[in-house]
Amino acid sequence: MNQDLMYAMIERCRDMIRNHADVASTQPEPLRPDHLIAMCDRLVESLDEWSNAKMNRWIGFIQCAMIANRMIELEDAKAMFDRAKTAFGEPGRDLIDHLDPDSSFNFDLGGEG
């Protein structure tokens, strides 16, 4: 996945969270909007360092937290990156690197802050 697409996905998350800044979250700290914005910031900082799989896991967590905070519904989460994927020429490509037997797929585990 190219960095422009990843950056666009991160910005889409950040913008949607900011548009719901008035959400009075009763969720645990990791699911609260301020923490989600900090996660978006960390993703941008890590664009050159982290694997696509790790970036996508973090974005997936952010989307799930947005659902938990009732910022979006499941259908919104499924469609929220469609425009970015079309703009950057990768429509329909989601974490498919693990389906290629000739491609090494390493799964990062644990302790990311």
PDB file of N, CA and C in Angstrom:
ATOM      1  N   MET A   1       0.860  -1.168   0.000  1.00  0.00           N
ATOM      2  CA  MET A   1       0.000   0.000   0.000  1.00  0.00           C
ATOM      3  C   MET A   1       0.904   1.227   0.000  1.00  0.00           C
ATOM      4  N   ASN A   2       0.599   2.182  -0.849  1.00  0.00           N
ATOM      5  CA  ASN A   2       1.479   3.343  -0.918  1.00  0.00           C
ATOM      6  C   ASN A   2       1.243   4.301   0.249  1.00  0.00           C
ATOM      7  N   GLN A   3       2.250   5.095   0.527  1.00  0.00           N
ATOM      8  CA  GLN A   3       2.187   6.001   1.679  1.00  0.00           C
ATOM      9  C   GLN A   3       1.129   7.084   1.517  1.00  0.00           C
ATOM     10  N   ASP A   4       0.886   7.524   0.289  1.00  0.00           N
ATOM     11  CA  ASP A   4      -0.151   8.540   0.080  1.00  0.00           C
ATOM     12  C   ASP A   4      -1.520   8.012   0.480  1.00  0.00           C
ATOM     13  N   LEU A   5      -1.785   6.775   0.110  1.00  0.00           N
ATOM     14  CA  LEU A   5      -3.055   6.157   0.484  1.00  0.00           C
ATOM     15  C   LEU A   5      -3.136   5.998   1.994  1.00  0.00           C
ATOM     16  N   MET A   6      -2.076   5.509   2.609  1.00  0.00           N
ATOM     17  CA  MET A   6      -2.082   5.326   4.056  1.00  0.00           C
ATOM     18  C   MET A   6      -2.305   6.661   4.765  1.00  0.00           C
ATOM     19  N   TYR A   7      -1.608   7.697   4.306  1.00  0.00           N
ATOM     20  CA  TYR A   7      -1.770   9.013   4.912  1.00  0.00           C
ATOM     21  C   TYR A   7      -3.214   9.502   4.753  1.00  0.00           C
ATOM     22  N   ALA A   8      -3.800   9.302   3.583  1.00  0.00           N
ATOM     23  CA  ALA A   8      -5.188   9.713   3.349  1.00  0.00           C
ATOM     24  C   ALA A   8      -6.139   8.978   4.287  1.00  0.00           C
ATOM     25  N   MET A   9      -5.889   7.700   4.535  1.00  0.00           N
ATOM     26  CA  MET A   9      -6.736   6.920   5.438  1.00  0.00           C
ATOM     27  C   MET A   9      -6.612   7.446   6.866  1.00  0.00           C
ATOM     28  N   ILE A  10      -5.396   7.751   7.280  1.00  0.00           N
ATOM     29  CA  ILE A  10      -5.176   8.286   8.628  1.00  0.00           C
ATOM     30  C   ILE A  10      -5.888   9.633   8.778  1.00  0.00           C
ATOM     31  N   GLU A  11      -5.741  10.495   7.785  1.00  0.00           N
ATOM     32  CA  GLU A  11      -6.382  11.810   7.840  1.00  0.00           C
ATOM     33  C   GLU A  11      -7.900  11.696   7.860  1.00  0.00           C
ATOM     34  N   ARG A  12      -8.441  10.718   7.137  1.00  0.00           N
ATOM     35  CA  ARG A  12      -9.896  10.503   7.144  1.00  0.00           C
ATOM     36  C   ARG A  12     -10.355  10.135   8.554  1.00  0.00           C
ATOM     37  N   CYS A  13      -9.609   9.252   9.216  1.00  0.00           N
ATOM     38  CA  CYS A  13      -9.939   8.900  10.603  1.00  0.00           C
ATOM     39  C   CYS A  13      -9.886  10.133  11.497  1.00  0.00           C
ATOM     40  N   ARG A  14      -8.783  10.869  11.396  1.00  0.00           N
ATOM     41  CA  ARG A  14      -8.584  12.038  12.260  1.00  0.00           C
ATOM     42  C   ARG A  14      -9.689  13.068  12.048  1.00  0.00           C
ATOM     43  N   ASP A  15     -10.041  13.334  10.792  1.00  0.00           N
ATOM     44  CA  ASP A  15     -11.091  14.313  10.505  1.00  0.00           C
ATOM     45  C   ASP A  15     -12.439  13.874  11.076  1.00  0.00           C
ATOM     46  N   MET A  16     -12.756  12.606  10.911  1.00  0.00           N
ATOM     47  CA  MET A  16     -14.042  12.117  11.415  1.00  0.00           C
ATOM     48  C   MET A  16     -14.089  12.171  12.932  1.00  0.00           C
ATOM     49  N   ILE A  17     -12.975  11.879  13.588  1.00  0.00           N
ATOM     50  CA  ILE A  17     -12.933  11.949  15.052  1.00  0.00           C
ATOM     51  C   ILE A  17     -13.086  13.401  15.500  1.00  0.00           C
ATOM     52  N   ARG A  18     -12.387  14.312  14.846  1.00  0.00           N
ATOM     53  CA  ARG A  18     -12.488  15.735  15.197  1.00  0.00           C
ATOM     54  C   ARG A  18     -13.907  16.249  14.996  1.00  0.00           C
ATOM     55  N   ASN A  19     -14.608  15.745  13.989  1.00  0.00           N
ATOM     56  CA  ASN A  19     -15.992  16.164  13.755  1.00  0.00           C
ATOM     57  C   ASN A  19     -16.933  15.681  14.849  1.00  0.00           C
ATOM     58  N   HIS A  20     -16.470  14.751  15.650  1.00  0.00           N
ATOM     59  CA  HIS A  20     -17.258  14.246  16.770  1.00  0.00           C
ATOM     60  C   HIS A  20     -16.580  14.583  18.096  1.00  0.00           C
ATOM     61  N   ALA A  21     -15.899  15.699  18.134  1.00  0.00           N
ATOM     62  CA  ALA A  21     -15.139  16.092  19.330  1.00  0.00           C
ATOM     63  C   ALA A  21     -16.038  16.273  20.543  1.00  0.00           C
ATOM     64  N   ASP A  22     -17.320  16.481  20.306  1.00  0.00           N
ATOM     65  CA  ASP A  22     -18.243  16.686  21.413  1.00  0.00           C
ATOM     66  C   ASP A  22     -18.718  15.380  22.045  1.00  0.00           C
ATOM     67  N   VAL A  23     -18.221  14.261  21.558  1.00  0.00           N
ATOM     68  CA  VAL A  23     -18.611  12.961  22.110  1.00  0.00           C
ATOM     69  C   VAL A  23     -18.115  12.869  23.544  1.00  0.00           C
ATOM     70  N   ALA A  24     -19.024  12.678  24.458  1.00  0.00           N
ATOM     71  CA  ALA A  24     -18.665  12.494  25.865  1.00  0.00           C
ATOM     72  C   ALA A  24     -18.492  11.006  26.085  1.00  0.00           C
ATOM     73  N   SER A  25     -17.316  10.532  25.818  1.00  0.00           N
ATOM     74  CA  SER A  25     -17.067   9.098  25.847  1.00  0.00           C
ATOM     75  C   SER A  25     -17.010   8.563  27.271  1.00  0.00           C
ATOM     76  N   THR A  26     -17.732   7.489  27.471  1.00  0.00           N
ATOM     77  CA  THR A  26     -17.654   6.766  28.743  1.00  0.00           C
ATOM     78  C   THR A  26     -16.784   5.521  28.573  1.00  0.00           C
ATOM     79  N   GLN A  27     -16.133   5.457  27.432  1.00  0.00           N
ATOM     80  CA  GLN A  27     -15.289   4.306  27.123  1.00  0.00           C
ATOM     81  C   GLN A  27     -13.981   4.381  27.913  1.00  0.00           C
ATOM     82  N   PRO A  28     -13.288   3.250  28.025  1.00  0.00           N
ATOM     83  CA  PRO A  28     -11.960   3.267  28.644  1.00  0.00           C
ATOM     84  C   PRO A  28     -11.022   4.195  27.863  1.00  0.00           C
ATOM     85  N   GLU A  29      -9.980   4.674  28.505  1.00  0.00           N
ATOM     86  CA  GLU A  29      -9.041   5.633  27.912  1.00  0.00           C
ATOM     87  C   GLU A  29      -8.592   5.282  26.488  1.00  0.00           C
ATOM     88  N   PRO A  30      -8.205   4.025  26.207  1.00  0.00           N
ATOM     89  CA  PRO A  30      -7.725   3.725  24.846  1.00  0.00           C
ATOM     90  C   PRO A  30      -8.768   3.923  23.748  1.00  0.00           C
ATOM     91  N   LEU A  31     -10.042   4.018  24.116  1.00  0.00           N
ATOM     92  CA  LEU A  31     -11.103   4.188  23.131  1.00  0.00           C
ATOM     93  C   LEU A  31     -11.607   5.621  23.026  1.00  0.00           C
ATOM     94  N   ARG A  32     -11.090   6.510  23.851  1.00  0.00           N
ATOM     95  CA  ARG A  32     -11.573   7.895  23.867  1.00  0.00           C
ATOM     96  C   ARG A  32     -10.999   8.694  22.704  1.00  0.00           C
ATOM     97  N   PRO A  33     -11.767   9.692  22.238  1.00  0.00           N
ATOM     98  CA  PRO A  33     -11.348  10.476  21.077  1.00  0.00           C
ATOM     99  C   PRO A  33      -9.943  11.075  21.182  1.00  0.00           C
ATOM    100  N   ASP A  34      -9.551  11.619  22.314  1.00  0.00           N
ATOM    101  CA  ASP A  34      -8.212  12.210  22.442  1.00  0.00           C
ATOM    102  C   ASP A  34      -7.128  11.173  22.198  1.00  0.00           C
ATOM    103  N   HIS A  35      -7.343   9.972  22.721  1.00  0.00           N
ATOM    104  CA  HIS A  35      -6.363   8.905  22.511  1.00  0.00           C
ATOM    105  C   HIS A  35      -6.330   8.478  21.039  1.00  0.00           C
ATOM    106  N   LEU A  36      -7.486   8.455  20.407  1.00  0.00           N
ATOM    107  CA  LEU A  36      -7.552   8.071  18.993  1.00  0.00           C
ATOM    108  C   LEU A  36      -6.825   9.085  18.112  1.00  0.00           C
ATOM    109  N   ILE A  37      -6.954  10.369  18.439  1.00  0.00           N
ATOM    110  CA  ILE A  37      -6.208  11.403  17.708  1.00  0.00           C
ATOM    111  C   ILE A  37      -4.709  11.191  17.905  1.00  0.00           C
ATOM    112  N   ALA A  38      -4.301  10.869  19.131  1.00  0.00           N
ATOM    113  CA  ALA A  38      -2.876  10.603  19.400  1.00  0.00           C
ATOM    114  C   ALA A  38      -2.400   9.386  18.601  1.00  0.00           C
ATOM    115  N   MET A  39      -3.257   8.378  18.462  1.00  0.00           N
ATOM    116  CA  MET A  39      -2.900   7.217  17.646  1.00  0.00           C
ATOM    117  C   MET A  39      -2.719   7.622  16.182  1.00  0.00           C
ATOM    118  N   CYS A  40      -3.594   8.484  15.683  1.00  0.00           N
ATOM    119  CA  CYS A  40      -3.448   8.968  14.304  1.00  0.00           C
ATOM    120  C   CYS A  40      -2.120   9.698  14.137  1.00  0.00           C
ATOM    121  N   ASP A  41      -1.775  10.528  15.116  1.00  0.00           N
ATOM    122  CA  ASP A  41      -0.498  11.247  15.067  1.00  0.00           C
ATOM    123  C   ASP A  41       0.670  10.264  15.027  1.00  0.00           C
ATOM    124  N   ARG A  42       0.593   9.227  15.852  1.00  0.00           N
ATOM    125  CA  ARG A  42       1.659   8.218  15.897  1.00  0.00           C
ATOM    126  C   ARG A  42       1.758   7.474  14.568  1.00  0.00           C
ATOM    127  N   LEU A  43       0.631   7.197  13.949  1.00  0.00           N
ATOM    128  CA  LEU A  43       0.638   6.538  12.646  1.00  0.00           C
ATOM    129  C   LEU A  43       1.371   7.385  11.606  1.00  0.00           C
ATOM    130  N   VAL A  44       1.076   8.677  11.586  1.00  0.00           N
ATOM    131  CA  VAL A  44       1.744   9.564  10.632  1.00  0.00           C
ATOM    132  C   VAL A  44       3.250   9.562  10.879  1.00  0.00           C
ATOM    133  N   GLU A  45       3.651   9.621  12.145  1.00  0.00           N
ATOM    134  CA  GLU A  45       5.075   9.609  12.500  1.00  0.00           C
ATOM    135  C   GLU A  45       5.754   8.307  12.080  1.00  0.00           C
ATOM    136  N   SER A  46       4.999   7.230  11.995  1.00  0.00           N
ATOM    137  CA  SER A  46       5.560   5.900  11.761  1.00  0.00           C
ATOM    138  C   SER A  46       5.399   5.410  10.318  1.00  0.00           C
ATOM    139  N   LEU A  47       4.932   6.260   9.430  1.00  0.00           N
ATOM    140  CA  LEU A  47       4.684   5.846   8.046  1.00  0.00           C
ATOM    141  C   LEU A  47       5.889   5.163   7.397  1.00  0.00           C
ATOM    142  N   ASP A  48       7.071   5.656   7.654  1.00  0.00           N
ATOM    143  CA  ASP A  48       8.269   5.097   7.023  1.00  0.00           C
ATOM    144  C   ASP A  48       8.811   3.867   7.735  1.00  0.00           C
ATOM    145  N   GLU A  49       8.354   3.614   8.953  1.00  0.00           N
ATOM    146  CA  GLU A  49       8.949   2.558   9.768  1.00  0.00           C
ATOM    147  C   GLU A  49       8.099   1.294   9.877  1.00  0.00           C
ATOM    148  N   TRP A  50       6.805   1.442   9.945  1.00  0.00           N
ATOM    149  CA  TRP A  50       5.934   0.308  10.234  1.00  0.00           C
ATOM    150  C   TRP A  50       5.491  -0.397   8.953  1.00  0.00           C
ATOM    151  N   SER A  51       5.204  -1.696   9.105  1.00  0.00           N
ATOM    152  CA  SER A  51       4.680  -2.481   7.983  1.00  0.00           C
ATOM    153  C   SER A  51       3.240  -2.069   7.688  1.00  0.00           C
ATOM    154  N   ASN A  52       2.798  -2.364   6.473  1.00  0.00           N
ATOM    155  CA  ASN A  52       1.401  -2.100   6.117  1.00  0.00           C
ATOM    156  C   ASN A  52       0.449  -2.845   7.045  1.00  0.00           C
ATOM    157  N   ALA A  53       0.802  -4.069   7.399  1.00  0.00           N
ATOM    158  CA  ALA A  53      -0.070  -4.867   8.265  1.00  0.00           C
ATOM    159  C   ALA A  53      -0.250  -4.181   9.616  1.00  0.00           C
ATOM    160  N   LYS A  54       0.843  -3.698  10.181  1.00  0.00           N
ATOM    161  CA  LYS A  54       0.758  -3.025  11.483  1.00  0.00           C
ATOM    162  C   LYS A  54      -0.048  -1.731  11.366  1.00  0.00           C
ATOM    163  N   MET A  55       0.194  -0.967  10.315  1.00  0.00           N
ATOM    164  CA  MET A  55      -0.559   0.270  10.107  1.00  0.00           C
ATOM    165  C   MET A  55      -2.054  -0.037   9.987  1.00  0.00           C
ATOM    166  N   ASN A  56      -2.385  -1.070   9.224  1.00  0.00           N
ATOM    167  CA  ASN A  56      -3.786  -1.437   9.052  1.00  0.00           C
ATOM    168  C   ASN A  56      -4.419  -1.928  10.348  1.00  0.00           C
ATOM    169  N   ARG A  57      -3.664  -2.623  11.182  1.00  0.00           N
ATOM    170  CA  ARG A  57      -4.212  -3.047  12.489  1.00  0.00           C
ATOM    171  C   ARG A  57      -4.551  -1.835  13.339  1.00  0.00           C
ATOM    172  N   TRP A  58      -3.660  -0.858  13.367  1.00  0.00           N
ATOM    173  CA  TRP A  58      -3.926   0.346  14.151  1.00  0.00           C
ATOM    174  C   TRP A  58      -5.147   1.091  13.606  1.00  0.00           C
ATOM    175  N   ILE A  59      -5.225   1.226  12.296  1.00  0.00           N
ATOM    176  CA  ILE A  59      -6.379   1.907  11.705  1.00  0.00           C
ATOM    177  C   ILE A  59      -7.658   1.135  12.012  1.00  0.00           C
ATOM    178  N   GLY A  60      -7.596  -0.192  11.952  1.00  0.00           N
ATOM    179  CA  GLY A  60      -8.760  -1.011  12.301  1.00  0.00           C
ATOM    180  C   GLY A  60      -9.185  -0.801  13.743  1.00  0.00           C
ATOM    181  N   PHE A  61      -8.220  -0.684  14.657  1.00  0.00           N
ATOM    182  CA  PHE A  61      -8.548  -0.403  16.058  1.00  0.00           C
ATOM    183  C   PHE A  61      -9.251   0.949  16.170  1.00  0.00           C
ATOM    184  N   ILE A  62      -8.710   1.948  15.472  1.00  0.00           N
ATOM    185  CA  ILE A  62      -9.314   3.285  15.513  1.00  0.00           C
ATOM    186  C   ILE A  62     -10.749   3.229  15.002  1.00  0.00           C
ATOM    187  N   GLN A  63     -10.973   2.515  13.900  1.00  0.00           N
ATOM    188  CA  GLN A  63     -12.332   2.390  13.373  1.00  0.00           C
ATOM    189  C   GLN A  63     -13.256   1.703  14.379  1.00  0.00           C
ATOM    190  N   CYS A  64     -12.778   0.660  15.026  1.00  0.00           N
ATOM    191  CA  CYS A  64     -13.598  -0.038  16.026  1.00  0.00           C
ATOM    192  C   CYS A  64     -13.933   0.880  17.195  1.00  0.00           C
ATOM    193  N   ALA A  65     -12.961   1.682  17.610  1.00  0.00           N
ATOM    194  CA  ALA A  65     -13.215   2.632  18.695  1.00  0.00           C
ATOM    195  C   ALA A  65     -14.230   3.685  18.261  1.00  0.00           C
ATOM    196  N   MET A  66     -14.171   4.083  17.001  1.00  0.00           N
ATOM    197  CA  MET A  66     -15.155   5.036  16.492  1.00  0.00           C
ATOM    198  C   MET A  66     -16.557   4.426  16.523  1.00  0.00           C
ATOM    199  N   ILE A  67     -16.653   3.148  16.205  1.00  0.00           N
ATOM    200  CA  ILE A  67     -17.939   2.456  16.291  1.00  0.00           C
ATOM    201  C   ILE A  67     -18.397   2.383  17.752  1.00  0.00           C
ATOM    202  N   ALA A  68     -17.479   2.040  18.652  1.00  0.00           N
ATOM    203  CA  ALA A  68     -17.817   1.948  20.076  1.00  0.00           C
ATOM    204  C   ALA A  68     -18.311   3.280  20.626  1.00  0.00           C
ATOM    205  N   ASN A  69     -17.784   4.374  20.097  1.00  0.00           N
ATOM    206  CA  ASN A  69     -18.189   5.708  20.528  1.00  0.00           C
ATOM    207  C   ASN A  69     -19.387   6.243  19.754  1.00  0.00           C
ATOM    208  N   ARG A  70     -19.950   5.403  18.898  1.00  0.00           N
ATOM    209  CA  ARG A  70     -21.122   5.749  18.087  1.00  0.00           C
ATOM    210  C   ARG A  70     -20.878   6.936  17.170  1.00  0.00           C
ATOM    211  N   MET A  71     -19.617   7.076  16.728  1.00  0.00           N
ATOM    212  CA  MET A  71     -19.282   8.103  15.739  1.00  0.00           C
ATOM    213  C   MET A  71     -19.679   7.629  14.349  1.00  0.00           C
ATOM    214  N   ILE A  72     -19.563   6.321  14.129  1.00  0.00           N
ATOM    215  CA  ILE A  72     -19.895   5.711  12.843  1.00  0.00           C
ATOM    216  C   ILE A  72     -20.569   4.364  13.096  1.00  0.00           C
ATOM    217  N   GLU A  73     -21.196   3.862  12.064  1.00  0.00           N
ATOM    218  CA  GLU A  73     -21.776   2.516  12.075  1.00  0.00           C
ATOM    219  C   GLU A  73     -20.838   1.596  11.289  1.00  0.00           C
ATOM    220  N   LEU A  74     -21.075   0.309  11.346  1.00  0.00           N
ATOM    221  CA  LEU A  74     -20.233  -0.655  10.645  1.00  0.00           C
ATOM    222  C   LEU A  74     -20.164  -0.361   9.145  1.00  0.00           C
ATOM    223  N   GLU A  75     -21.291  -0.049   8.542  1.00  0.00           N
ATOM    224  CA  GLU A  75     -21.313   0.244   7.104  1.00  0.00           C
ATOM    225  C   GLU A  75     -20.465   1.474   6.783  1.00  0.00           C
ATOM    226  N   ASP A  76     -20.469   2.476   7.668  1.00  0.00           N
ATOM    227  CA  ASP A  76     -19.631   3.658   7.476  1.00  0.00           C
ATOM    228  C   ASP A  76     -18.154   3.268   7.506  1.00  0.00           C
ATOM    229  N   ALA A  77     -17.798   2.399   8.438  1.00  0.00           N
ATOM    230  CA  ALA A  77     -16.404   1.959   8.550  1.00  0.00           C
ATOM    231  C   ALA A  77     -15.969   1.226   7.288  1.00  0.00           C
ATOM    232  N   LYS A  78     -16.856   0.419   6.734  1.00  0.00           N
ATOM    233  CA  LYS A  78     -16.519  -0.321   5.517  1.00  0.00           C
ATOM    234  C   LYS A  78     -16.269   0.612   4.334  1.00  0.00           C
ATOM    235  N   ALA A  79     -16.978   1.724   4.297  1.00  0.00           N
ATOM    236  CA  ALA A  79     -16.924   2.616   3.133  1.00  0.00           C
ATOM    237  C   ALA A  79     -16.035   3.841   3.329  1.00  0.00           C
ATOM    238  N   MET A  80     -15.508   4.071   4.515  1.00  0.00           N
ATOM    239  CA  MET A  80     -14.872   5.359   4.782  1.00  0.00           C
ATOM    240  C   MET A  80     -13.598   5.621   3.994  1.00  0.00           C
ATOM    241  N   PHE A  81     -12.949   4.605   3.443  1.00  0.00           N
ATOM    242  CA  PHE A  81     -11.722   4.818   2.686  1.00  0.00           C
ATOM    243  C   PHE A  81     -11.900   4.603   1.181  1.00  0.00           C
ATOM    244  N   ASP A  82     -13.130   4.397   0.732  1.00  0.00           N
ATOM    245  CA  ASP A  82     -13.377   4.128  -0.685  1.00  0.00           C
ATOM    246  C   ASP A  82     -12.825   5.225  -1.589  1.00  0.00           C
ATOM    247  N   ARG A  83     -13.077   6.484  -1.239  1.00  0.00           N
ATOM    248  CA  ARG A  83     -12.589   7.590  -2.065  1.00  0.00           C
ATOM    249  C   ARG A  83     -11.071   7.623  -2.123  1.00  0.00           C
ATOM    250  N   ALA A  84     -10.433   7.422  -0.976  1.00  0.00           N
ATOM    251  CA  ALA A  84      -8.965   7.441  -0.932  1.00  0.00           C
ATOM    252  C   ALA A  84      -8.395   6.297  -1.762  1.00  0.00           C
ATOM    253  N   LYS A  85      -8.992   5.120  -1.659  1.00  0.00           N
ATOM    254  CA  LYS A  85      -8.494   3.975  -2.427  1.00  0.00           C
ATOM    255  C   LYS A  85      -8.642   4.215  -3.923  1.00  0.00           C
ATOM    256  N   THR A  86      -9.739   4.812  -4.328  1.00  0.00           N
ATOM    257  CA  THR A  86      -9.936   5.126  -5.735  1.00  0.00           C
ATOM    258  C   THR A  86      -8.948   6.200  -6.191  1.00  0.00           C
ATOM    259  N   ALA A  87      -8.744   7.219  -5.381  1.00  0.00           N
ATOM    260  CA  ALA A  87      -7.847   8.320  -5.737  1.00  0.00           C
ATOM    261  C   ALA A  87      -6.397   7.858  -5.890  1.00  0.00           C
ATOM    262  N   PHE A  88      -6.014   6.853  -5.110  1.00  0.00           N
ATOM    263  CA  PHE A  88      -4.621   6.406  -5.143  1.00  0.00           C
ATOM    264  C   PHE A  88      -4.452   5.072  -5.870  1.00  0.00           C
ATOM    265  N   GLY A  89      -5.472   4.671  -6.619  1.00  0.00           N
ATOM    266  CA  GLY A  89      -5.343   3.548  -7.533  1.00  0.00           C
ATOM    267  C   GLY A  89      -5.299   2.174  -6.903  1.00  0.00           C
ATOM    268  N   GLU A  90      -5.864   2.019  -5.716  1.00  0.00           N
ATOM    269  CA  GLU A  90      -5.841   0.713  -5.085  1.00  0.00           C
ATOM    270  C   GLU A  90      -7.217   0.306  -4.568  1.00  0.00           C
ATOM    271  N   PRO A  91      -8.259   0.446  -5.397  1.00  0.00           N
ATOM    272  CA  PRO A  91      -9.579   0.048  -4.914  1.00  0.00           C
ATOM    273  C   PRO A  91      -9.635  -1.455  -4.647  1.00  0.00           C
ATOM    274  N   GLY A  92     -10.254  -1.823  -3.553  1.00  0.00           N
ATOM    275  CA  GLY A  92     -10.465  -3.233  -3.243  1.00  0.00           C
ATOM    276  C   GLY A  92      -9.269  -3.972  -2.684  1.00  0.00           C
ATOM    277  N   ARG A  93      -8.147  -3.315  -2.442  1.00  0.00           N
ATOM    278  CA  ARG A  93      -6.957  -3.991  -1.906  1.00  0.00           C
ATOM    279  C   ARG A  93      -6.907  -3.783  -0.395  1.00  0.00           C
ATOM    280  N   ASP A  94      -7.105  -4.833   0.352  1.00  0.00           N
ATOM    281  CA  ASP A  94      -7.051  -4.768   1.807  1.00  0.00           C
ATOM    282  C   ASP A  94      -6.282  -5.959   2.331  1.00  0.00           C
ATOM    283  N   LEU A  95      -5.156  -5.720   2.938  1.00  0.00           N
ATOM    284  CA  LEU A  95      -4.391  -6.759   3.621  1.00  0.00           C
ATOM    285  C   LEU A  95      -4.371  -8.078   2.861  1.00  0.00           C
ATOM    286  N   ILE A  96      -4.104  -8.023   1.571  1.00  0.00           N
ATOM    287  CA  ILE A  96      -4.091  -9.268   0.810  1.00  0.00           C
ATOM    288  C   ILE A  96      -2.699  -9.863   0.704  1.00  0.00           C
ATOM    289  N   ASP A  97      -1.685  -9.206   1.284  1.00  0.00           N
ATOM    290  CA  ASP A  97      -0.332  -9.734   1.180  1.00  0.00           C
ATOM    291  C   ASP A  97      -0.202 -11.111   1.834  1.00  0.00           C
ATOM    292  N   HIS A  98      -1.050 -11.418   2.802  1.00  0.00           N
ATOM    293  CA  HIS A  98      -0.968 -12.725   3.449  1.00  0.00           C
ATOM    294  C   HIS A  98      -1.542 -13.857   2.589  1.00  0.00           C
ATOM    295  N   LEU A  99      -2.172 -13.513   1.478  1.00  0.00           N
ATOM    296  CA  LEU A  99      -2.731 -14.537   0.596  1.00  0.00           C
ATOM    297  C   LEU A  99      -1.734 -14.997  -0.464  1.00  0.00           C
ATOM    298  N   ASP A 100      -0.616 -14.316  -0.588  1.00  0.00           N
ATOM    299  CA  ASP A 100       0.386 -14.649  -1.589  1.00  0.00           C
ATOM    300  C   ASP A 100       1.432 -15.576  -0.971  1.00  0.00           C
ATOM    301  N   PRO A 101       1.466 -16.858  -1.375  1.00  0.00           N
ATOM    302  CA  PRO A 101       2.404 -17.806  -0.756  1.00  0.00           C
ATOM    303  C   PRO A 101       3.863 -17.478  -1.040  1.00  0.00           C
ATOM    304  N   ASP A 102       4.123 -16.647  -2.055  1.00  0.00           N
ATOM    305  CA  ASP A 102       5.495 -16.257  -2.369  1.00  0.00           C
ATOM    306  C   ASP A 102       5.930 -14.993  -1.639  1.00  0.00           C
ATOM    307  N   SER A 103       5.025 -14.413  -0.868  1.00  0.00           N
ATOM    308  CA  SER A 103       5.329 -13.195  -0.128  1.00  0.00           C
ATOM    309  C   SER A 103       5.455 -13.541   1.349  1.00  0.00           C
ATOM    310  N   SER A 104       6.553 -13.094   1.951  1.00  0.00           N
ATOM    311  CA  SER A 104       6.674 -13.350   3.393  1.00  0.00           C
ATOM    312  C   SER A 104       5.703 -12.441   4.120  1.00  0.00           C
ATOM    313  N   PHE A 105       5.088 -12.975   5.100  1.00  0.00           N
ATOM    314  CA  PHE A 105       4.116 -12.215   5.888  1.00  0.00           C
ATOM    315  C   PHE A 105       4.485 -12.384   7.347  1.00  0.00           C
ATOM    316  N   ASN A 106       4.999 -11.347   7.939  1.00  0.00           N
ATOM    317  CA  ASN A 106       5.390 -11.386   9.339  1.00  0.00           C
ATOM    318  C   ASN A 106       4.327 -10.666  10.150  1.00  0.00           C
ATOM    319  N   PHE A 107       3.985 -11.232  11.267  1.00  0.00           N
ATOM    320  CA  PHE A 107       2.952 -10.655  12.110  1.00  0.00           C
ATOM    321  C   PHE A 107       3.621 -10.089  13.351  1.00  0.00           C
ATOM    322  N   ASP A 108       3.549  -8.760  13.508  1.00  0.00           N
ATOM    323  CA  ASP A 108       4.112  -8.119  14.690  1.00  0.00           C
ATOM    324  C   ASP A 108       3.168  -8.328  15.869  1.00  0.00           C
ATOM    325  N   LEU A 109       3.714  -8.687  16.987  1.00  0.00           N
ATOM    326  CA  LEU A 109       2.897  -8.888  18.178  1.00  0.00           C
ATOM    327  C   LEU A 109       3.380  -8.010  19.311  1.00  0.00           C
ATOM    328  N   GLY A 110       2.435  -7.603  20.121  1.00  0.00           N
ATOM    329  CA  GLY A 110       2.714  -7.055  21.433  1.00  0.00           C
ATOM    330  C   GLY A 110       3.276  -5.673  21.531  1.00  0.00           C
ATOM    331  N   GLY A 111       3.113  -5.128  22.686  1.00  0.00           N
ATOM    332  CA  GLY A 111       3.722  -3.991  23.286  1.00  0.00           C
ATOM    333  C   GLY A 111       3.862  -2.672  22.565  1.00  0.00           C
ATOM    334  N   GLU A 112       3.243  -2.487  21.416  1.00  0.00           N
ATOM    335  CA  GLU A 112       3.366  -1.175  20.790  1.00  0.00           C
ATOM    336  C   GLU A 112       2.642  -0.159  21.655  1.00  0.00           C
ATOM    337  N   GLY A 113       3.271   0.982  21.834  1.00  0.00           N
ATOM    338  CA  GLY A 113       2.667   2.016  22.691  1.00  0.00           C
ATOM    339  C   GLY A 113       1.953   3.076  21.978  1.00  0.00           C
TER     340      GLY A 113
END
